[in-house]
PDB file of N, CA and C in Angstrom:
ATOM      1  N   UNK A   1       0.698  -1.092   0.207  1.00  0.00           N
ATOM      2  CA  UNK A   1      -0.131   0.237   0.105  1.00  0.00           C
ATOM      3  C   UNK A   1       0.785   1.517   0.306  1.00  0.00           C
ATOM      4  N   UNK A   2       0.593   2.497  -1.110  1.00  0.00           N
ATOM      5  CA  UNK A   2       1.646   3.444  -0.848  1.00  0.00           C
ATOM      6  C   UNK A   2       1.551   4.856   0.386  1.00  0.00           C
ATOM      7  N   UNK A   3       1.896   5.181   0.541  1.00  0.00           N
ATOM      8  CA  UNK A   3       1.865   6.137   1.493  1.00  0.00           C
ATOM      9  C   UNK A   3       0.360   6.918   0.801  1.00  0.00           C
ATOM     10  N   UNK A   4      -0.002   7.252  -0.206  1.00  0.00           N
ATOM     11  CA  UNK A   4      -1.133   8.187  -0.390  1.00  0.00           C
ATOM     12  C   UNK A   4      -2.734   6.937   0.385  1.00  0.00           C
ATOM     13  N   UNK A   5      -2.300   6.094  -0.541  1.00  0.00           N
ATOM     14  CA  UNK A   5      -3.613   4.885  -0.165  1.00  0.00           C
ATOM     15  C   UNK A   5      -3.813   4.549   1.841  1.00  0.00           C
ATOM     16  N   UNK A   6      -2.269   4.928   2.396  1.00  0.00           N
ATOM     17  CA  UNK A   6      -2.823   4.674   3.856  1.00  0.00           C
ATOM     18  C   UNK A   6      -2.824   6.200   4.094  1.00  0.00           C
ATOM     19  N   UNK A   7      -2.882   7.255   4.156  1.00  0.00           N
ATOM     20  CA  UNK A   7      -3.484   7.995   4.483  1.00  0.00           C
ATOM     21  C   UNK A   7      -4.599   8.729   4.065  1.00  0.00           C
ATOM     22  N   UNK A   8      -5.246   7.614   3.386  1.00  0.00           N
ATOM     23  CA  UNK A   8      -6.634   8.174   2.370  1.00  0.00           C
ATOM     24  C   UNK A   8      -7.355   7.560   3.499  1.00  0.00           C
ATOM     25  N   UNK A   9      -6.641   6.267   3.358  1.00  0.00           N
ATOM     26  CA  UNK A   9      -7.562   4.884   4.898  1.00  0.00           C
ATOM     27  C   UNK A   9      -7.698   5.628   5.804  1.00  0.00           C
ATOM     28  N   UNK A  10      -6.687   6.363   6.560  1.00  0.00           N
ATOM     29  CA  UNK A  10      -6.547   7.223   8.131  1.00  0.00           C
ATOM     30  C   UNK A  10      -7.377   7.354   8.042  1.00  0.00           C
ATOM     31  N   UNK A  11      -7.536   8.395   7.037  1.00  0.00           N
ATOM     32  CA  UNK A  11      -8.432   9.637   7.555  1.00  0.00           C
ATOM     33  C   UNK A  11     -10.108   9.595   7.168  1.00  0.00           C
ATOM     34  N   UNK A  12      -9.995   7.927   6.855  1.00  0.00           N
ATOM     35  CA  UNK A  12     -11.513   7.676   6.224  1.00  0.00           C
ATOM     36  C   UNK A  12     -11.929   6.665   7.645  1.00  0.00           C
ATOM     37  N   UNK A  13     -10.802   6.505   8.168  1.00  0.00           N
ATOM     38  CA  UNK A  13     -11.092   5.654  10.304  1.00  0.00           C
ATOM     39  C   UNK A  13     -11.713   6.644  10.873  1.00  0.00           C
ATOM     40  N   UNK A  14     -10.883   7.704  10.377  1.00  0.00           N
ATOM     41  CA  UNK A  14     -11.484   8.883  11.688  1.00  0.00           C
ATOM     42  C   UNK A  14     -12.157   9.601  11.401  1.00  0.00           C
ATOM     43  N   UNK A  15     -12.387   9.382  10.538  1.00  0.00           N
ATOM     44  CA  UNK A  15     -13.512  10.137   9.329  1.00  0.00           C
ATOM     45  C   UNK A  15     -15.211   9.565  10.035  1.00  0.00           C
ATOM     46  N   UNK A  16     -15.134   7.668  10.361  1.00  0.00           N
ATOM     47  CA  UNK A  16     -15.602   7.131  10.781  1.00  0.00           C
ATOM     48  C   UNK A  16     -16.270   7.834  11.900  1.00  0.00           C
ATOM     49  N   UNK A  17     -14.847   7.549  12.856  1.00  0.00           N
ATOM     50  CA  UNK A  17     -14.919   7.489  14.229  1.00  0.00           C
ATOM     51  C   UNK A  17     -15.698   8.656  14.649  1.00  0.00           C
ATOM     52  N   UNK A  18     -15.380  10.213  13.779  1.00  0.00           N
ATOM     53  CA  UNK A  18     -16.195  11.959  14.656  1.00  0.00           C
ATOM     54  C   UNK A  18     -17.496  10.591  13.956  1.00  0.00           C
ATOM     55  N   UNK A  19     -17.985  10.954  12.929  1.00  0.00           N
ATOM     56  CA  UNK A  19     -19.514  10.652  12.454  1.00  0.00           C
ATOM     57  C   UNK A  19     -19.688   9.590  13.863  1.00  0.00           C
ATOM     58  N   UNK A  20     -19.754   8.872  14.376  1.00  0.00           N
ATOM     59  CA  UNK A  20     -19.752   7.536  15.173  1.00  0.00           C
ATOM     60  C   UNK A  20     -19.969   8.829  16.693  1.00  0.00           C
ATOM     61  N   UNK A  21     -18.832   9.016  17.145  1.00  0.00           N
ATOM     62  CA  UNK A  21     -18.658   9.698  18.025  1.00  0.00           C
ATOM     63  C   UNK A  21     -20.250  10.741  18.264  1.00  0.00           C
ATOM     64  N   UNK A  22     -20.099  11.787  17.444  1.00  0.00           N
ATOM     65  CA  UNK A  22     -21.427  12.677  16.980  1.00  0.00           C
ATOM     66  C   UNK A  22     -22.896  11.996  17.118  1.00  0.00           C
ATOM     67  N   UNK A  23     -22.957  11.109  15.960  1.00  0.00           N
ATOM     68  CA  UNK A  23     -24.297  10.957  16.083  1.00  0.00           C
ATOM     69  C   UNK A  23     -24.822   9.877  17.104  1.00  0.00           C
ATOM     70  N   UNK A  24     -23.570   8.835  17.944  1.00  0.00           N
ATOM     71  CA  UNK A  24     -24.285   7.915  18.286  1.00  0.00           C
ATOM     72  C   UNK A  24     -25.431   8.482  20.024  1.00  0.00           C
ATOM     73  N   UNK A  25     -25.580   9.367  19.948  1.00  0.00           N
ATOM     74  CA  UNK A  25     -26.538   9.740  21.058  1.00  0.00           C
ATOM     75  C   UNK A  25     -27.971  10.590  20.426  1.00  0.00           C
ATOM     76  N   UNK A  26     -27.746  10.697  19.351  1.00  0.00           N
ATOM     77  CA  UNK A  26     -29.583  10.670  18.041  1.00  0.00           C
ATOM     78  C   UNK A  26     -30.233  10.199  17.496  1.00  0.00           C
ATOM     79  N   UNK A  27     -29.163   8.933  16.793  1.00  0.00           N
ATOM     80  CA  UNK A  27     -29.878   7.958  16.469  1.00  0.00           C
ATOM     81  C   UNK A  27     -28.457   6.677  16.216  1.00  0.00           C
ATOM     82  N   UNK A  28     -29.359   5.383  16.308  1.00  0.00           N
ATOM     83  CA  UNK A  28     -28.311   4.360  15.915  1.00  0.00           C
ATOM     84  C   UNK A  28     -27.423   4.839  14.861  1.00  0.00           C
ATOM     85  N   UNK A  29     -25.991   4.811  14.934  1.00  0.00           N
ATOM     86  CA  UNK A  29     -25.171   4.642  13.979  1.00  0.00           C
ATOM     87  C   UNK A  29     -25.010   3.040  12.720  1.00  0.00           C
ATOM     88  N   UNK A  30     -25.592   2.614  12.335  1.00  0.00           N
ATOM     89  CA  UNK A  30     -25.480   1.687  11.279  1.00  0.00           C
ATOM     90  C   UNK A  30     -24.544   2.336  10.489  1.00  0.00           C
ATOM     91  N   UNK A  31     -23.837   0.884   9.376  1.00  0.00           N
ATOM     92  CA  UNK A  31     -22.731   0.976   8.516  1.00  0.00           C
ATOM     93  C   UNK A  31     -23.532   1.934   7.227  1.00  0.00           C
ATOM     94  N   UNK A  32     -24.957   1.592   7.061  1.00  0.00           N
ATOM     95  CA  UNK A  32     -25.913   2.343   5.901  1.00  0.00           C
ATOM     96  C   UNK A  32     -25.490   3.771   5.597  1.00  0.00           C
ATOM     97  N   UNK A  33     -25.787   4.599   7.356  1.00  0.00           N
ATOM     98  CA  UNK A  33     -25.934   5.271   7.677  1.00  0.00           C
ATOM     99  C   UNK A  33     -23.972   6.526   7.177  1.00  0.00           C
ATOM    100  N   UNK A  34     -23.375   5.419   7.959  1.00  0.00           N
ATOM    101  CA  UNK A  34     -21.710   5.600   7.813  1.00  0.00           C
ATOM    102  C   UNK A  34     -21.759   5.736   6.215  1.00  0.00           C
ATOM    103  N   UNK A  35     -21.588   4.659   6.020  1.00  0.00           N
ATOM    104  CA  UNK A  35     -21.413   4.909   4.277  1.00  0.00           C
ATOM    105  C   UNK A  35     -22.244   5.835   2.872  1.00  0.00           C
ATOM    106  N   UNK A  36     -23.237   6.555   4.027  1.00  0.00           N
ATOM    107  CA  UNK A  36     -24.019   7.718   3.249  1.00  0.00           C
ATOM    108  C   UNK A  36     -23.039   8.945   3.666  1.00  0.00           C
ATOM    109  N   UNK A  37     -23.189   9.457   4.839  1.00  0.00           N
ATOM    110  CA  UNK A  37     -22.282   9.662   5.123  1.00  0.00           C
ATOM    111  C   UNK A  37     -20.457  10.228   4.695  1.00  0.00           C
ATOM    112  N   UNK A  38     -20.689   9.200   4.087  1.00  0.00           N
ATOM    113  CA  UNK A  38     -19.274   8.856   3.479  1.00  0.00           C
ATOM    114  C   UNK A  38     -18.597  10.090   2.556  1.00  0.00           C
ATOM    115  N   UNK A  39     -20.675   9.584   1.443  1.00  0.00           N
ATOM    116  CA  UNK A  39     -20.095   9.337   0.240  1.00  0.00           C
ATOM    117  C   UNK A  39     -20.683  10.501  -0.488  1.00  0.00           C
ATOM    118  N   UNK A  40     -22.115  11.366   0.769  1.00  0.00           N
ATOM    119  CA  UNK A  40     -22.890  12.358   0.476  1.00  0.00           C
ATOM    120  C   UNK A  40     -22.093  13.834   1.184  1.00  0.00           C
ATOM    121  N   UNK A  41     -21.659  13.832   2.844  1.00  0.00           N
ATOM    122  CA  UNK A  41     -21.091  14.771   3.381  1.00  0.00           C
ATOM    123  C   UNK A  41     -19.949  14.858   2.743  1.00  0.00           C
ATOM    124  N   UNK A  42     -19.362  13.549   3.018  1.00  0.00           N
ATOM    125  CA  UNK A  42     -18.039  13.615   2.751  1.00  0.00           C
ATOM    126  C   UNK A  42     -16.844  13.438   1.040  1.00  0.00           C
ATOM    127  N   UNK A  43     -17.840  13.710   0.285  1.00  0.00           N
ATOM    128  CA  UNK A  43     -17.663  13.011  -1.429  1.00  0.00           C
ATOM    129  C   UNK A  43     -16.597  12.052  -1.176  1.00  0.00           C
ATOM    130  N   UNK A  44     -16.839  11.063  -0.913  1.00  0.00           N
ATOM    131  CA  UNK A  44     -15.617  10.085  -0.894  1.00  0.00           C
ATOM    132  C   UNK A  44     -16.583   8.723  -2.192  1.00  0.00           C
ATOM    133  N   UNK A  45     -15.388   8.492  -2.504  1.00  0.00           N
ATOM    134  CA  UNK A  45     -16.297   7.625  -3.570  1.00  0.00           C
ATOM    135  C   UNK A  45     -15.573   6.266  -3.294  1.00  0.00           C
ATOM    136  N   UNK A  46     -16.768   5.419  -2.411  1.00  0.00           N
ATOM    137  CA  UNK A  46     -16.621   4.548  -1.702  1.00  0.00           C
ATOM    138  C   UNK A  46     -17.645   3.602  -1.617  1.00  0.00           C
ATOM    139  N   UNK A  47     -17.296   2.131  -1.053  1.00  0.00           N
ATOM    140  CA  UNK A  47     -18.578   1.677  -1.547  1.00  0.00           C
ATOM    141  C   UNK A  47     -18.750   1.348   0.012  1.00  0.00           C
ATOM    142  N   UNK A  48     -19.960   0.467   0.120  1.00  0.00           N
ATOM    143  CA  UNK A  48     -20.432  -0.076   0.796  1.00  0.00           C
ATOM    144  C   UNK A  48     -19.312  -1.195   1.958  1.00  0.00           C
ATOM    145  N   UNK A  49     -18.966  -2.418   0.868  1.00  0.00           N
ATOM    146  CA  UNK A  49     -18.058  -2.920   1.067  1.00  0.00           C
ATOM    147  C   UNK A  49     -17.017  -2.995   1.922  1.00  0.00           C
ATOM    148  N   UNK A  50     -16.191  -1.887   1.006  1.00  0.00           N
ATOM    149  CA  UNK A  50     -15.284  -0.388   1.676  1.00  0.00           C
ATOM    150  C   UNK A  50     -15.501  -0.178   3.223  1.00  0.00           C
ATOM    151  N   UNK A  51     -16.654   0.240   3.242  1.00  0.00           N
ATOM    152  CA  UNK A  51     -16.782   1.001   4.322  1.00  0.00           C
ATOM    153  C   UNK A  51     -17.057  -0.209   5.366  1.00  0.00           C
ATOM    154  N   UNK A  52     -18.161  -1.263   5.266  1.00  0.00           N
ATOM    155  CA  UNK A  52     -17.795  -2.529   6.363  1.00  0.00           C
ATOM    156  C   UNK A  52     -16.428  -3.152   6.301  1.00  0.00           C
ATOM    157  N   UNK A  53     -15.802  -2.991   5.482  1.00  0.00           N
ATOM    158  CA  UNK A  53     -14.194  -3.452   6.299  1.00  0.00           C
ATOM    159  C   UNK A  53     -13.656  -2.328   7.093  1.00  0.00           C
ATOM    160  N   UNK A  54     -13.914  -1.132   7.029  1.00  0.00           N
ATOM    161  CA  UNK A  54     -13.382  -0.763   7.945  1.00  0.00           C
ATOM    162  C   UNK A  54     -13.753  -0.318   8.881  1.00  0.00           C
ATOM    163  N   UNK A  55     -15.469  -0.568   9.078  1.00  0.00           N
ATOM    164  CA  UNK A  55     -15.679  -0.287  10.238  1.00  0.00           C
ATOM    165  C   UNK A  55     -15.166  -2.150  10.580  1.00  0.00           C
ATOM    166  N   UNK A  56     -14.950  -2.877  10.553  1.00  0.00           N
ATOM    167  CA  UNK A  56     -14.764  -3.948  11.308  1.00  0.00           C
ATOM    168  C   UNK A  56     -13.497  -3.973  12.370  1.00  0.00           C
ATOM    169  N   UNK A  57     -12.324  -3.623  10.853  1.00  0.00           N
ATOM    170  CA  UNK A  57     -11.199  -3.493  11.736  1.00  0.00           C
ATOM    171  C   UNK A  57     -11.386  -2.548  12.810  1.00  0.00           C
ATOM    172  N   UNK A  58     -11.809  -1.148  12.535  1.00  0.00           N
ATOM    173  CA  UNK A  58     -11.770  -0.124  13.946  1.00  0.00           C
ATOM    174  C   UNK A  58     -12.924  -1.351  14.783  1.00  0.00           C
ATOM    175  N   UNK A  59     -13.772  -2.053  15.106  1.00  0.00           N
ATOM    176  CA  UNK A  59     -14.616  -3.029  15.926  1.00  0.00           C
ATOM    177  C   UNK A  59     -13.427  -3.985  16.419  1.00  0.00           C
ATOM    178  N   UNK A  60     -12.912  -4.837  15.916  1.00  0.00           N
ATOM    179  CA  UNK A  60     -11.762  -5.725  15.867  1.00  0.00           C
ATOM    180  C   UNK A  60     -10.570  -4.665  16.544  1.00  0.00           C
ATOM    181  N   UNK A  61     -10.520  -3.328  16.380  1.00  0.00           N
ATOM    182  CA  UNK A  61      -8.503  -2.776  17.499  1.00  0.00           C
ATOM    183  C   UNK A  61      -9.259  -2.320  18.643  1.00  0.00           C
ATOM    184  N   UNK A  62     -10.652  -1.992  18.932  1.00  0.00           N
ATOM    185  CA  UNK A  62     -11.599  -1.929  19.800  1.00  0.00           C
ATOM    186  C   UNK A  62     -12.020  -0.642  19.870  1.00  0.00           C
ATOM    187  N   UNK A  63     -11.768   0.225  18.924  1.00  0.00           N
ATOM    188  CA  UNK A  63     -12.274   1.443  19.066  1.00  0.00           C
ATOM    189  C   UNK A  63     -13.632   1.808  18.766  1.00  0.00           C
ATOM    190  N   UNK A  64     -14.585   0.791  18.049  1.00  0.00           N
ATOM    191  CA  UNK A  64     -15.819   0.900  17.281  1.00  0.00           C
ATOM    192  C   UNK A  64     -16.088  -0.678  18.594  1.00  0.00           C
ATOM    193  N   UNK A  65     -17.492  -0.359  18.658  1.00  0.00           N
ATOM    194  CA  UNK A  65     -17.993  -1.578  19.142  1.00  0.00           C
ATOM    195  C   UNK A  65     -19.358  -2.052  18.392  1.00  0.00           C
ATOM    196  N   UNK A  66     -19.565  -2.945  18.670  1.00  0.00           N
ATOM    197  CA  UNK A  66     -20.545  -3.441  17.276  1.00  0.00           C
ATOM    198  C   UNK A  66     -22.225  -3.913  18.303  1.00  0.00           C
ATOM    199  N   UNK A  67     -23.010  -3.800  18.219  1.00  0.00           N
ATOM    200  CA  UNK A  67     -24.069  -3.876  18.956  1.00  0.00           C
ATOM    201  C   UNK A  67     -25.305  -4.780  18.371  1.00  0.00           C
ATOM    202  N   UNK A  68     -25.703  -5.967  18.206  1.00  0.00           N
ATOM    203  CA  UNK A  68     -26.510  -6.103  17.393  1.00  0.00           C
ATOM    204  C   UNK A  68     -27.902  -6.877  18.138  1.00  0.00           C
ATOM    205  N   UNK A  69     -29.296  -6.212  17.564  1.00  0.00           N
ATOM    206  CA  UNK A  69     -30.208  -6.075  18.291  1.00  0.00           C
ATOM    207  C   UNK A  69     -31.094  -7.659  17.360  1.00  0.00           C
ATOM    208  N   UNK A  70     -32.370  -7.103  17.792  1.00  0.00           N
ATOM    209  CA  UNK A  70     -33.222  -8.530  16.716  1.00  0.00           C
ATOM    210  C   UNK A  70     -34.484  -6.777  16.691  1.00  0.00           C
ATOM    211  N   UNK A  71     -35.030  -6.897  15.634  1.00  0.00           N
ATOM    212  CA  UNK A  71     -35.979  -5.946  15.600  1.00  0.00           C
ATOM    213  C   UNK A  71     -37.087  -6.201  13.776  1.00  0.00           C
ATOM    214  N   UNK A  72     -36.898  -7.642  14.044  1.00  0.00           N
ATOM    215  CA  UNK A  72     -37.525  -8.296  13.676  1.00  0.00           C
ATOM    216  C   UNK A  72     -36.965  -8.216  11.301  1.00  0.00           C
ATOM    217  N   UNK A  73     -35.778  -8.763  12.682  1.00  0.00           N
ATOM    218  CA  UNK A  73     -34.416  -9.034  11.464  1.00  0.00           C
ATOM    219  C   UNK A  73     -32.951  -8.394  12.520  1.00  0.00           C
ATOM    220  N   UNK A  74     -32.674  -9.661  12.406  1.00  0.00           N
ATOM    221  CA  UNK A  74     -30.902  -9.036  12.959  1.00  0.00           C
ATOM    222  C   UNK A  74     -30.440  -7.019  12.506  1.00  0.00           C
ATOM    223  N   UNK A  75     -30.325  -6.588  13.331  1.00  0.00           N
ATOM    224  CA  UNK A  75     -29.705  -5.083  13.900  1.00  0.00           C
ATOM    225  C   UNK A  75     -28.845  -4.695  14.015  1.00  0.00           C
ATOM    226  N   UNK A  76     -27.900  -4.452  13.063  1.00  0.00           N
ATOM    227  CA  UNK A  76     -26.641  -3.816  13.558  1.00  0.00           C
ATOM    228  C   UNK A  76     -26.023  -2.571  14.022  1.00  0.00           C
ATOM    229  N   UNK A  77     -26.052  -1.737  14.773  1.00  0.00           N
ATOM    230  CA  UNK A  77     -25.467  -0.544  15.044  1.00  0.00           C
ATOM    231  C   UNK A  77     -24.263  -0.356  15.855  1.00  0.00           C
ATOM    232  N   UNK A  78     -22.925   0.634  15.958  1.00  0.00           N
ATOM    233  CA  UNK A  78     -21.748   1.024  16.446  1.00  0.00           C
ATOM    234  C   UNK A  78     -22.097   1.781  17.474  1.00  0.00           C
ATOM    235  N   UNK A  79     -20.755   2.094  18.102  1.00  0.00           N
ATOM    236  CA  UNK A  79     -20.412   3.332  19.313  1.00  0.00           C
ATOM    237  C   UNK A  79     -19.733   2.485  19.383  1.00  0.00           C
ATOM    238  N   UNK A  80     -19.262   4.221  19.421  1.00  0.00           N
ATOM    239  CA  UNK A  80     -17.509   4.514  19.721  1.00  0.00           C
ATOM    240  C   UNK A  80     -16.609   3.999  21.183  1.00  0.00           C
ATOM    241  N   UNK A  81     -15.886   4.014  21.134  1.00  0.00           N
ATOM    242  CA  UNK A  81     -15.051   2.957  22.775  1.00  0.00           C
ATOM    243  C   UNK A  81     -14.502   4.111  23.409  1.00  0.00           C
ATOM    244  N   UNK A  82     -14.292   4.222  24.285  1.00  0.00           N
ATOM    245  CA  UNK A  82     -13.682   5.277  25.230  1.00  0.00           C
ATOM    246  C   UNK A  82     -11.754   4.934  25.088  1.00  0.00           C
ATOM    247  N   UNK A  83     -11.570   3.826  23.965  1.00  0.00           N
ATOM    248  CA  UNK A  83     -10.615   3.853  23.175  1.00  0.00           C
ATOM    249  C   UNK A  83     -10.719   5.097  21.902  1.00  0.00           C
ATOM    250  N   UNK A  84     -11.218   4.454  21.121  1.00  0.00           N
ATOM    251  CA  UNK A  84     -11.818   5.683  20.209  1.00  0.00           C
ATOM    252  C   UNK A  84     -11.978   7.191  20.903  1.00  0.00           C
ATOM    253  N   UNK A  85     -12.382   6.977  21.291  1.00  0.00           N
ATOM    254  CA  UNK A  85     -12.711   8.572  21.633  1.00  0.00           C
ATOM    255  C   UNK A  85     -11.159   9.127  22.131  1.00  0.00           C
ATOM    256  N   UNK A  86     -10.420   8.515  23.083  1.00  0.00           N
ATOM    257  CA  UNK A  86      -8.930   8.861  22.919  1.00  0.00           C
ATOM    258  C   UNK A  86      -7.531   9.401  21.414  1.00  0.00           C
ATOM    259  N   UNK A  87      -8.030   8.175  20.967  1.00  0.00           N
ATOM    260  CA  UNK A  87      -7.245   8.540  19.842  1.00  0.00           C
ATOM    261  C   UNK A  87      -7.873   9.250  18.917  1.00  0.00           C
ATOM    262  N   UNK A  88      -9.125   9.992  18.661  1.00  0.00           N
ATOM    263  CA  UNK A  88      -9.775  11.084  17.866  1.00  0.00           C
ATOM    264  C   UNK A  88      -8.775  12.463  19.111  1.00  0.00           C
ATOM    265  N   UNK A  89      -9.137  12.434  20.290  1.00  0.00           N
ATOM    266  CA  UNK A  89      -8.484  13.295  21.203  1.00  0.00           C
ATOM    267  C   UNK A  89      -6.922  13.333  21.193  1.00  0.00           C
ATOM    268  N   UNK A  90      -5.999  12.052  20.567  1.00  0.00           N
ATOM    269  CA  UNK A  90      -4.733  12.427  20.608  1.00  0.00           C
ATOM    270  C   UNK A  90      -4.670  12.057  21.906  1.00  0.00           C
ATOM    271  N   UNK A  91      -4.750  11.835  22.992  1.00  0.00           N
ATOM    272  CA  UNK A  91      -4.457  10.830  23.937  1.00  0.00           C
ATOM    273  C   UNK A  91      -3.864   9.844  24.087  1.00  0.00           C
ATOM    274  N   UNK A  92      -3.995   8.891  23.251  1.00  0.00           N
ATOM    275  CA  UNK A  92      -3.141   7.722  22.854  1.00  0.00           C
ATOM    276  C   UNK A  92      -2.981   7.965  21.421  1.00  0.00           C
ATOM    277  N   UNK A  93      -1.326   7.688  21.321  1.00  0.00           N
ATOM    278  CA  UNK A  93      -1.225   6.771  20.042  1.00  0.00           C
ATOM    279  C   UNK A  93      -1.609   6.266  18.810  1.00  0.00           C
ATOM    280  N   UNK A  94      -1.934   6.248  17.528  1.00  0.00           N
ATOM    281  CA  UNK A  94      -2.888   5.056  16.728  1.00  0.00           C
ATOM    282  C   UNK A  94      -1.678   4.105  16.736  1.00  0.00           C
ATOM    283  N   UNK A  95      -2.528   2.882  16.359  1.00  0.00           N
ATOM    284  CA  UNK A  95      -1.661   1.597  16.053  1.00  0.00           C
ATOM    285  C   UNK A  95      -0.236   1.451  15.460  1.00  0.00           C
ATOM    286  N   UNK A  96       0.692   0.716  16.136  1.00  0.00           N
ATOM    287  CA  UNK A  96       1.782   0.666  15.072  1.00  0.00           C
ATOM    288  C   UNK A  96       2.839   1.460  15.359  1.00  0.00           C
ATOM    289  N   UNK A  97       2.177   3.274  16.066  1.00  0.00           N
ATOM    290  CA  UNK A  97       2.854   3.764  15.873  1.00  0.00           C
ATOM    291  C   UNK A  97       4.487   3.218  17.393  1.00  0.00           C
ATOM    292  N   UNK A  98       5.740   3.886  16.090  1.00  0.00           N
ATOM    293  CA  UNK A  98       6.768   3.825  16.930  1.00  0.00           C
ATOM    294  C   UNK A  98       7.697   4.921  17.070  1.00  0.00           C
ATOM    295  N   UNK A  99       8.510   5.383  18.221  1.00  0.00           N
ATOM    296  CA  UNK A  99       8.882   6.444  18.446  1.00  0.00           C
ATOM    297  C   UNK A  99       9.798   5.973  17.255  1.00  0.00           C
ATOM    298  N   UNK A 100      11.357   7.311  16.235  1.00  0.00           N
ATOM    299  CA  UNK A 100      11.687   7.290  15.954  1.00  0.00           C
ATOM    300  C   UNK A 100      13.240   6.967  16.642  1.00  0.00           C
TER     301      UNK A 100
END
């Protein structure tokens, strides 16, 4: 992966975390709403699959938590964790960061 691609991926992760942080108190944050935000408000050309891949990474890294409920079918929504908030606030370094 090129440095430009890595930078774009990191920006997308940050936008997902910011959106989740701001919207989770107002409505359930779903993969569809995140994709809509990225393609509409942020004008990113991303597919639903790409967005879901990044969400899955953020969940496995401990920055988001997936909450599954039953509402006439399985319904998954996301909330940001304390680690995700700390990452956005700059209180902890990103994964893989090492001093030079």
